[in-house]
Each structure stands twice: as C-alpha cells, then as structure tokens.
Amino acid sequence: MTHDETMKEFLELACNLSPENLSCDGELPTSEIRKRKKRLISAWHILENNVGHKVSEEDVWRWSTKQRSNTTITG
C-alpha cells in the first residue's frame, strides 16, 4: 500500500471517529457508539503497525489539507 493510500485509510477512520459520525448524529445508543469506536481505534492501530510508527489525527488532517491544496493548484 502506498503512503497516500494508507493516509486515505487513516483519513476515513478519522472522519468516522468524529462525534457526529460515530454516533450517527446522536441516533445510536451509547453501547453501540462504544463498539464502533473500539472497532475504529483497533483498525487505526493495525494501520499504525503496518506503517511502523504512530500516526496522529493531526498528521492525517495535515496530509489531507496538503492534498486538497495540491488538487486546487493542479486541478
């Protein structure tokens, strides 16, 4: 998997971990929110193990912002 592909996976996880997405805008019961969060964090740790280092949400958002800037400039 390339760096960009991995970062896209982290970005998807980060988006899914946002409170409104995690809770389906408050529609899910707390027990389901906990299960979803645990599953998403587990997937995050697996990706970190694959790349061999910790990746913060800040790293992911910084990468995403850079990607959007590059797309705006070249697109």
Protein backbone atom coordinates (compact mmCIF):
# COMPACT_ATOMS: atom_id res chain seq x y z
CA MET A 1 0.00 0.00 0.00
CA THR A 2 1.40 3.44 -0.89
CA HIS A 3 1.77 6.28 1.59
CA ASP A 4 -1.20 8.14 0.06
CA GLU A 5 -3.39 5.03 0.13
CA THR A 6 -2.52 4.48 3.78
CA MET A 7 -3.22 8.12 4.63
CA LYS A 8 -6.59 7.90 2.86
CA GLU A 9 -7.43 4.95 5.12
CA PHE A 10 -6.39 6.95 8.19
CA LEU A 11 -8.49 9.87 6.92
CA GLU A 12 -11.55 7.64 6.55
CA LEU A 13 -11.05 6.36 10.08
CA ALA A 14 -10.58 9.90 11.43
CA CYS A 15 -13.80 11.01 9.75
CA ASN A 16 -15.67 8.01 11.13
CA LEU A 17 -14.32 8.77 14.61
CA SER A 18 -15.80 12.27 14.62
CA PRO A 19 -18.56 12.52 17.23
CA GLU A 20 -21.39 13.15 14.76
CA ASN A 21 -20.37 10.22 12.54
CA LEU A 22 -19.55 7.92 15.42
CA SER A 23 -22.99 8.42 16.95
CA CYS A 24 -24.92 8.79 13.67
CA ASP A 25 -25.86 12.31 14.76
CA GLY A 26 -26.93 11.08 18.19
CA GLU A 27 -29.17 8.30 16.88
CA LEU A 28 -27.18 5.34 18.26
CA PRO A 29 -27.29 4.04 21.81
CA THR A 30 -24.15 4.56 23.90
CA SER A 31 -23.29 0.85 23.83
CA GLU A 32 -23.23 0.84 20.02
CA ILE A 33 -21.12 4.02 19.93
CA ARG A 34 -18.57 2.35 22.23
CA LYS A 35 -18.43 -0.74 19.99
CA ARG A 36 -17.96 1.36 16.86
CA LYS A 37 -15.24 3.47 18.47
CA LYS A 38 -13.40 0.38 19.71
CA ARG A 39 -13.51 -1.18 16.22
CA LEU A 40 -12.29 2.02 14.55
CA ILE A 41 -9.46 2.53 17.03
CA SER A 42 -8.42 -1.08 16.55
CA ALA A 43 -8.29 -0.53 12.78
CA TRP A 44 -6.21 2.63 13.40
CA HIS A 45 -3.70 0.63 15.47
CA ILE A 46 -3.46 -2.03 12.77
CA LEU A 47 -2.63 0.65 10.20
CA GLU A 48 -0.03 2.13 12.56
CA ASN A 49 1.55 -1.30 12.91
CA ASN A 50 1.63 -1.62 9.13
CA VAL A 51 3.47 1.70 8.72
CA GLY A 52 5.70 1.07 11.72
CA HIS A 53 5.01 4.24 13.69
CA LYS A 54 2.31 6.20 15.48
CA VAL A 55 0.11 8.44 13.33
CA SER A 56 -1.87 11.21 15.00
CA GLU A 57 -5.13 12.69 13.80
CA GLU A 58 -3.20 15.92 13.38
CA ASP A 59 -0.84 14.14 10.95
CA VAL A 60 -3.84 12.91 9.00
CA TRP A 61 -5.57 16.30 8.81
CA ARG A 62 -2.30 17.98 7.82
CA TRP A 63 -1.86 15.44 5.00
CA SER A 64 -5.48 15.94 3.91
CA THR A 65 -5.09 19.72 3.81
CA LYS A 66 -1.92 19.38 1.74
CA GLN A 67 -3.69 17.03 -0.68
CA ARG A 68 -6.56 19.49 -1.12
CA SER A 69 -4.11 22.33 -1.70
CA ASN A 70 -2.28 20.32 -4.35
CA THR A 71 -5.56 19.43 -6.05
CA THR A 72 -6.68 23.06 -6.05
CA ILE A 73 -3.39 24.22 -7.54
CA THR A 74 -3.13 21.47 -10.18
CA GLY A 75 -6.84 20.93 -10.79
